Amino acid sequence: MPIHDAPRYITLTDMRRYISAHTNSLNTDEDDLLTDCIVAAEWQIDFYTRRVFVAEPGTRYYSRFTAIVQDNALYLGDGEDLYALPANGTVYNGDGQIFPVGSIWLEPRNEGPPFKIIRLKSSYAWSWNTDDEIKVPGTWGWSISAPPPIQSATRELAMYIYRSKDVTPNDMAGFDQAGAVQSPRGMPETVRRRIEPYRSRSGGVL
């Protein structure tokens, strides 16, 4: 997955508003820290779900050794969500030829985007020269903007990361016997439950 250093799922303004609503305080001198927390939260969500929720232009390559092809259908890899092909629909076969416009279906047809399968119409077939690859330029990712549950999860997880700056290295404010509550490690369960339906499962539509 691409490495990002700027927020994609929520804005810094969103995060400021969220913190103000939950803490009644906001230090504008911490904008750099807040940005880092948002980026870290987004990265954790991407890693857990194995997908990216804001689509970006790019090209994917499929060799004859790695491509999964069956019945004229090219199955995209785990976490590879195709939002759209270029306006001209250009896809390059593994022999260097360009498929003409109208020769391709994107599936699932009634649910996408995102799409997980590139299917050729019956007059065409996937093929490769010895050292060439199928090339699919397109916009890759879940959507143009992150869905609301992902935005909500990003805010909550970024807040969790932000608050961790005040936690001791042992993630412990005291002893359980004394009534102190241990700060939870890793991703909060509420965040995990919110993003679980979006987790990519190899071979499936999601």
C-alpha atoms as a PDB file:
ATOM      1  CA  MET A   1       0.000   0.000   0.000  1.00  0.00           C
ATOM      2  CA  PRO A   2       1.183   3.571  -0.652  1.00  0.00           C
ATOM      3  CA  ILE A   3       2.819   5.425   2.225  1.00  0.00           C
ATOM      4  CA  HIS A   4       1.182   8.778   3.015  1.00  0.00           C
ATOM      5  CA  ASP A   5       2.278  11.695   5.156  1.00  0.00           C
ATOM      6  CA  ALA A   6      -0.946  13.714   4.885  1.00  0.00           C
ATOM      7  CA  PRO A   7      -4.475  12.882   6.086  1.00  0.00           C
ATOM      8  CA  ARG A   8      -6.853  11.321   3.556  1.00  0.00           C
ATOM      9  CA  TYR A   9      -9.910  10.126   5.487  1.00  0.00           C
ATOM     10  CA  ILE A  10     -10.538  13.135   7.727  1.00  0.00           C
ATOM     11  CA  THR A  11      -9.175  16.669   7.820  1.00  0.00           C
ATOM     12  CA  LEU A  12      -7.221  18.387  10.557  1.00  0.00           C
ATOM     13  CA  THR A  13     -10.281  20.596  11.080  1.00  0.00           C
ATOM     14  CA  ASP A  14     -12.419  17.483  11.633  1.00  0.00           C
ATOM     15  CA  MET A  15      -9.945  16.261  14.223  1.00  0.00           C
ATOM     16  CA  ARG A  16      -9.781  19.592  16.031  1.00  0.00           C
ATOM     17  CA  ARG A  17     -13.575  19.690  16.249  1.00  0.00           C
ATOM     18  CA  TYR A  18     -13.688  16.104  17.536  1.00  0.00           C
ATOM     19  CA  ILE A  19     -11.100  16.754  20.246  1.00  0.00           C
ATOM     20  CA  SER A  20     -12.806  19.971  21.325  1.00  0.00           C
ATOM     21  CA  ALA A  21     -16.125  18.140  21.695  1.00  0.00           C
ATOM     22  CA  HIS A  22     -14.570  15.401  23.844  1.00  0.00           C
ATOM     23  CA  THR A  23     -12.042  17.297  25.928  1.00  0.00           C
ATOM     24  CA  ASN A  24     -13.314  20.915  26.017  1.00  0.00           C
ATOM     25  CA  SER A  25      -9.798  22.010  25.171  1.00  0.00           C
ATOM     26  CA  LEU A  26      -7.641  22.325  22.092  1.00  0.00           C
ATOM     27  CA  ASN A  27      -4.050  23.396  21.729  1.00  0.00           C
ATOM     28  CA  THR A  28      -3.529  24.733  18.216  1.00  0.00           C
ATOM     29  CA  ASP A  29       0.217  24.434  18.741  1.00  0.00           C
ATOM     30  CA  GLU A  30      -0.255  20.663  18.433  1.00  0.00           C
ATOM     31  CA  ASP A  31      -1.467  20.663  14.829  1.00  0.00           C
ATOM     32  CA  ASP A  32       1.629  18.766  13.676  1.00  0.00           C
ATOM     33  CA  LEU A  33       1.049  16.145  16.364  1.00  0.00           C
ATOM     34  CA  LEU A  34      -2.633  15.842  15.435  1.00  0.00           C
ATOM     35  CA  THR A  35      -1.703  15.379  11.776  1.00  0.00           C
ATOM     36  CA  ASP A  36       0.734  12.621  12.728  1.00  0.00           C
ATOM     37  CA  CYS A  37      -1.996  10.941  14.804  1.00  0.00           C
ATOM     38  CA  ILE A  38      -4.457  11.048  11.906  1.00  0.00           C
ATOM     39  CA  VAL A  39      -1.915   9.595   9.481  1.00  0.00           C
ATOM     40  CA  ALA A  40      -0.998   6.868  11.978  1.00  0.00           C
ATOM     41  CA  ALA A  41      -4.684   6.017  12.488  1.00  0.00           C
ATOM     42  CA  GLU A  42      -5.292   5.832   8.749  1.00  0.00           C
ATOM     43  CA  TRP A  43      -2.257   3.612   8.280  1.00  0.00           C
ATOM     44  CA  GLN A  44      -3.467   1.215  10.998  1.00  0.00           C
ATOM     45  CA  ILE A  45      -6.934   1.065   9.435  1.00  0.00           C
ATOM     46  CA  ASP A  46      -5.431   0.381   5.982  1.00  0.00           C
ATOM     47  CA  PHE A  47      -3.216  -2.337   7.417  1.00  0.00           C
ATOM     48  CA  TYR A  48      -6.034  -4.046   9.306  1.00  0.00           C
ATOM     49  CA  THR A  49      -8.581  -3.892   6.484  1.00  0.00           C
ATOM     50  CA  ARG A  50      -5.979  -4.552   3.766  1.00  0.00           C
ATOM     51  CA  ARG A  51      -7.386  -1.818   1.550  1.00  0.00           C
ATOM     52  CA  VAL A  52      -7.278   1.925   0.857  1.00  0.00           C
ATOM     53  CA  PHE A  53     -10.456   3.975   1.189  1.00  0.00           C
ATOM     54  CA  VAL A  54      -9.594   7.046  -0.883  1.00  0.00           C
ATOM     55  CA  ALA A  55      -8.938   6.082  -4.481  1.00  0.00           C
ATOM     56  CA  GLU A  56      -5.800   7.284  -6.254  1.00  0.00           C
ATOM     57  CA  PRO A  57      -4.493   6.996  -9.820  1.00  0.00           C
ATOM     58  CA  GLY A  58      -2.056   4.172 -10.451  1.00  0.00           C
ATOM     59  CA  THR A  59      -1.226   1.139 -12.546  1.00  0.00           C
ATOM     60  CA  ARG A  60      -1.354  -2.503 -11.515  1.00  0.00           C
ATOM     61  CA  TYR A  61       0.695  -5.214 -13.230  1.00  0.00           C
ATOM     62  CA  TYR A  62      -0.160  -8.915 -13.575  1.00  0.00           C
ATOM     63  CA  SER A  63       2.354 -11.428 -14.874  1.00  0.00           C
ATOM     64  CA  ARG A  64       1.525 -14.878 -16.199  1.00  0.00           C
ATOM     65  CA  PHE A  65       2.985 -16.245 -12.961  1.00  0.00           C
ATOM     66  CA  THR A  66       0.901 -14.172 -10.544  1.00  0.00           C
ATOM     67  CA  ALA A  67      -2.389 -13.423 -12.306  1.00  0.00           C
ATOM     68  CA  ILE A  68      -5.517 -15.330 -11.306  1.00  0.00           C
ATOM     69  CA  VAL A  69      -7.489 -15.830 -14.529  1.00  0.00           C
ATOM     70  CA  GLN A  70     -10.547 -18.008 -15.015  1.00  0.00           C
ATOM     71  CA  ASP A  71     -13.238 -17.944 -17.735  1.00  0.00           C
ATOM     72  CA  ASN A  72     -11.888 -14.686 -19.217  1.00  0.00           C
ATOM     73  CA  ALA A  73     -12.015 -13.060 -15.772  1.00  0.00           C
ATOM     74  CA  LEU A  74      -8.951 -11.461 -14.183  1.00  0.00           C
ATOM     75  CA  TYR A  75      -9.391 -11.568 -10.396  1.00  0.00           C
ATOM     76  CA  LEU A  76      -7.753  -8.629  -8.670  1.00  0.00           C
ATOM     77  CA  GLY A  77      -5.513  -9.275  -5.696  1.00  0.00           C
ATOM     78  CA  ASP A  78      -6.447  -9.124  -2.031  1.00  0.00           C
ATOM     79  CA  GLY A  79      -6.944  -5.487  -1.108  1.00  0.00           C
ATOM     80  CA  GLU A  80      -6.863  -4.310  -4.747  1.00  0.00           C
ATOM     81  CA  ASP A  81     -10.043  -2.317  -5.241  1.00  0.00           C
ATOM     82  CA  LEU A  82     -10.569  -0.806  -8.674  1.00  0.00           C
ATOM     83  CA  TYR A  83     -12.706   2.315  -8.499  1.00  0.00           C
ATOM     84  CA  ALA A  84     -12.598   3.178 -12.202  1.00  0.00           C
ATOM     85  CA  LEU A  85     -10.688   2.655 -15.430  1.00  0.00           C
ATOM     86  CA  PRO A  86      -9.393   5.660 -17.379  1.00  0.00           C
ATOM     87  CA  ALA A  87     -11.939   7.562 -19.444  1.00  0.00           C
ATOM     88  CA  ASN A  88     -10.679   5.784 -22.569  1.00  0.00           C
ATOM     89  CA  GLY A  89     -10.963   2.401 -20.848  1.00  0.00           C
ATOM     90  CA  THR A  90      -7.398   1.441 -21.761  1.00  0.00           C
ATOM     91  CA  VAL A  91      -6.202  -1.940 -20.483  1.00  0.00           C
ATOM     92  CA  TYR A  92      -3.080  -3.584 -21.906  1.00  0.00           C
ATOM     93  CA  ASN A  93      -3.019  -7.322 -22.473  1.00  0.00           C
ATOM     94  CA  GLY A  94       0.067  -9.313 -21.591  1.00  0.00           C
ATOM     95  CA  ASP A  95       1.124  -9.328 -25.250  1.00  0.00           C
ATOM     96  CA  GLY A  96       1.186  -5.522 -25.390  1.00  0.00           C
ATOM     97  CA  GLN A  97      -2.118  -5.152 -27.242  1.00  0.00           C
ATOM     98  CA  ILE A  98      -4.776  -2.683 -26.058  1.00  0.00           C
ATOM     99  CA  PHE A  99      -8.298  -3.954 -25.517  1.00  0.00           C
ATOM    100  CA  PRO A 100     -10.802  -1.823 -27.452  1.00  0.00           C
ATOM    101  CA  VAL A 101     -13.419   0.212 -25.625  1.00  0.00           C
ATOM    102  CA  GLY A 102     -16.465  -1.928 -24.871  1.00  0.00           C
ATOM    103  CA  SER A 103     -14.544  -5.214 -24.621  1.00  0.00           C
ATOM    104  CA  ILE A 104     -14.412  -5.234 -20.804  1.00  0.00           C
ATOM    105  CA  TRP A 105     -16.886  -5.670 -17.968  1.00  0.00           C
ATOM    106  CA  LEU A 106     -16.097  -4.635 -14.416  1.00  0.00           C
ATOM    107  CA  GLU A 107     -17.636  -6.774 -11.670  1.00  0.00           C
ATOM    108  CA  PRO A 108     -19.609  -6.962  -9.437  1.00  0.00           C
ATOM    109  CA  ARG A 109     -21.729  -5.087 -11.971  1.00  0.00           C
ATOM    110  CA  ASN A 110     -24.662  -4.312  -9.680  1.00  0.00           C
ATOM    111  CA  GLU A 111     -22.638  -3.457  -6.577  1.00  0.00           C
ATOM    112  CA  GLY A 112     -19.417  -1.770  -7.605  1.00  0.00           C
ATOM    113  CA  PRO A 113     -17.415   0.295  -7.345  1.00  0.00           C
ATOM    114  CA  PRO A 114     -15.159  -0.910  -5.982  1.00  0.00           C
ATOM    115  CA  PHE A 115     -14.639  -3.652  -8.550  1.00  0.00           C
ATOM    116  CA  LYS A 116     -12.763  -6.915  -7.957  1.00  0.00           C
ATOM    117  CA  ILE A 117     -12.944  -8.580 -11.374  1.00  0.00           C
ATOM    118  CA  ILE A 118     -12.040  -7.454 -14.892  1.00  0.00           C
ATOM    119  CA  ARG A 119     -13.896  -9.724 -17.307  1.00  0.00           C
ATOM    120  CA  LEU A 120     -13.322  -9.801 -21.070  1.00  0.00           C
ATOM    121  CA  LYS A 121     -16.175 -10.272 -23.483  1.00  0.00           C
ATOM    122  CA  SER A 122     -16.234 -13.561 -25.365  1.00  0.00           C
ATOM    123  CA  SER A 123     -14.295 -12.343 -28.413  1.00  0.00           C
ATOM    124  CA  TYR A 124     -11.186 -11.616 -26.341  1.00  0.00           C
ATOM    125  CA  ALA A 125      -8.766 -13.503 -24.110  1.00  0.00           C
ATOM    126  CA  TRP A 126      -5.991 -12.723 -21.656  1.00  0.00           C
ATOM    127  CA  SER A 127      -2.533 -13.660 -22.965  1.00  0.00           C
ATOM    128  CA  TRP A 128       1.136 -12.950 -22.301  1.00  0.00           C
ATOM    129  CA  ASN A 129       4.365 -12.677 -24.184  1.00  0.00           C
ATOM    130  CA  THR A 130       7.224 -14.342 -22.361  1.00  0.00           C
ATOM    131  CA  ASP A 131       8.394 -11.296 -20.421  1.00  0.00           C
ATOM    132  CA  ASP A 132       5.408  -8.965 -20.566  1.00  0.00           C
ATOM    133  CA  GLU A 133       2.588  -8.196 -18.139  1.00  0.00           C
ATOM    134  CA  ILE A 134      -1.050  -7.170 -18.162  1.00  0.00           C
ATOM    135  CA  LYS A 135      -1.173  -3.449 -17.311  1.00  0.00           C
ATOM    136  CA  VAL A 136      -4.278  -1.900 -15.778  1.00  0.00           C
ATOM    137  CA  PRO A 137      -4.130   1.908 -15.392  1.00  0.00           C
ATOM    138  CA  GLY A 138      -6.963   3.194 -13.269  1.00  0.00           C
ATOM    139  CA  THR A 139      -8.140   4.803 -10.072  1.00  0.00           C
ATOM    140  CA  TRP A 140      -7.501   2.344  -7.263  1.00  0.00           C
ATOM    141  CA  GLY A 141      -9.259   2.356  -3.909  1.00  0.00           C
ATOM    142  CA  TRP A 142     -12.651   2.043  -2.258  1.00  0.00           C
ATOM    143  CA  SER A 143     -14.168   5.393  -3.227  1.00  0.00           C
ATOM    144  CA  ILE A 144     -13.433   9.053  -3.883  1.00  0.00           C
ATOM    145  CA  SER A 145     -13.903   9.742  -0.162  1.00  0.00           C
ATOM    146  CA  ALA A 146     -13.806   7.417   2.829  1.00  0.00           C
ATOM    147  CA  PRO A 147     -17.214   6.044   3.903  1.00  0.00           C
ATOM    148  CA  PRO A 148     -18.667   7.500   7.122  1.00  0.00           C
ATOM    149  CA  PRO A 149     -17.810   4.468   9.346  1.00  0.00           C
ATOM    150  CA  ILE A 150     -14.167   4.725   8.259  1.00  0.00           C
ATOM    151  CA  GLN A 151     -14.135   8.460   8.941  1.00  0.00           C
ATOM    152  CA  SER A 152     -15.629   7.859  12.386  1.00  0.00           C
ATOM    153  CA  ALA A 153     -13.138   5.085  13.128  1.00  0.00           C
ATOM    154  CA  THR A 154     -10.268   7.327  12.025  1.00  0.00           C
ATOM    155  CA  ARG A 155     -11.338  10.082  14.416  1.00  0.00           C
ATOM    156  CA  GLU A 156     -11.659   7.664  17.331  1.00  0.00           C
ATOM    157  CA  LEU A 157      -8.369   5.916  16.661  1.00  0.00           C
ATOM    158  CA  ALA A 158      -6.521   9.199  16.120  1.00  0.00           C
ATOM    159  CA  MET A 159      -7.899  10.430  19.453  1.00  0.00           C
ATOM    160  CA  TYR A 160      -6.698   7.215  21.101  1.00  0.00           C
ATOM    161  CA  ILE A 161      -3.213   7.716  19.639  1.00  0.00           C
ATOM    162  CA  TYR A 162      -3.236  11.391  20.645  1.00  0.00           C
ATOM    163  CA  ARG A 163      -4.111  10.551  24.246  1.00  0.00           C
ATOM    164  CA  SER A 164      -1.357   7.950  24.406  1.00  0.00           C
ATOM    165  CA  LYS A 165       1.185  10.783  24.657  1.00  0.00           C
ATOM    166  CA  ASP A 166       0.135  11.117  28.297  1.00  0.00           C
ATOM    167  CA  VAL A 167       0.440   7.393  29.078  1.00  0.00           C
ATOM    168  CA  THR A 168       3.500   5.911  30.756  1.00  0.00           C
ATOM    169  CA  PRO A 169       5.761   3.577  28.747  1.00  0.00           C
ATOM    170  CA  ASN A 170       4.201   0.587  30.484  1.00  0.00           C
ATOM    171  CA  ASP A 171       0.685   1.736  29.507  1.00  0.00           C
ATOM    172  CA  MET A 172      -0.183   1.687  33.201  1.00  0.00           C
ATOM    173  CA  ALA A 173      -1.435   4.533  35.364  1.00  0.00           C
ATOM    174  CA  GLY A 174      -1.261   2.489  38.574  1.00  0.00           C
ATOM    175  CA  PHE A 175      -2.124  -0.913  40.028  1.00  0.00           C
ATOM    176  CA  ASP A 176      -5.434  -2.624  39.290  1.00  0.00           C
ATOM    177  CA  GLN A 177      -5.778  -3.373  43.014  1.00  0.00           C
ATOM    178  CA  ALA A 178      -5.720   0.353  43.692  1.00  0.00           C
ATOM    179  CA  GLY A 179      -8.532   0.961  41.254  1.00  0.00           C
ATOM    180  CA  ALA A 180      -6.414   2.332  38.406  1.00  0.00           C
ATOM    181  CA  VAL A 181      -7.416   1.385  34.875  1.00  0.00           C
ATOM    182  CA  GLN A 182      -4.814   0.050  32.490  1.00  0.00           C
ATOM    183  CA  SER A 183      -4.723   1.839  29.150  1.00  0.00           C
ATOM    184  CA  PRO A 184      -5.595  -0.727  26.430  1.00  0.00           C
ATOM    185  CA  ARG A 185      -2.881  -1.702  23.989  1.00  0.00           C
ATOM    186  CA  GLY A 186      -3.299  -1.693  20.230  1.00  0.00           C
ATOM    187  CA  MET A 187      -6.477  -0.783  18.385  1.00  0.00           C
ATOM    188  CA  PRO A 188      -9.539  -0.149  20.580  1.00  0.00           C
ATOM    189  CA  GLU A 189     -12.219  -2.805  20.185  1.00  0.00           C
ATOM    190  CA  THR A 190     -14.833  -0.188  19.266  1.00  0.00           C
ATOM    191  CA  VAL A 191     -12.706   0.849  16.286  1.00  0.00           C
ATOM    192  CA  ARG A 192     -12.079  -2.754  15.296  1.00  0.00           C
ATOM    193  CA  ARG A 193     -15.797  -3.565  15.279  1.00  0.00           C
ATOM    194  CA  ARG A 194     -16.555  -0.510  13.166  1.00  0.00           C
ATOM    195  CA  ILE A 195     -14.032  -1.359  10.442  1.00  0.00           C
ATOM    196  CA  GLU A 196     -14.389  -5.163  10.492  1.00  0.00           C
ATOM    197  CA  PRO A 197     -17.121  -5.213   7.767  1.00  0.00           C
ATOM    198  CA  TYR A 198     -14.677  -3.484   5.405  1.00  0.00           C
ATOM    199  CA  ARG A 199     -11.848  -5.961   5.903  1.00  0.00           C
ATOM    200  CA  SER A 200     -10.685  -7.496   2.644  1.00  0.00           C
ATOM    201  CA  ARG A 201     -10.959 -11.248   2.356  1.00  0.00           C
ATOM    202  CA  SER A 202      -8.960 -12.812  -0.448  1.00  0.00           C
ATOM    203  CA  GLY A 203     -11.119 -14.127  -3.271  1.00  0.00           C
ATOM    204  CA  GLY A 204     -14.313 -12.353  -2.207  1.00  0.00           C
ATOM    205  CA  VAL A 205     -16.097  -9.271  -3.443  1.00  0.00           C
ATOM    206  CA  LEU A 206     -14.975  -7.478  -0.285  1.00  0.00           C
END
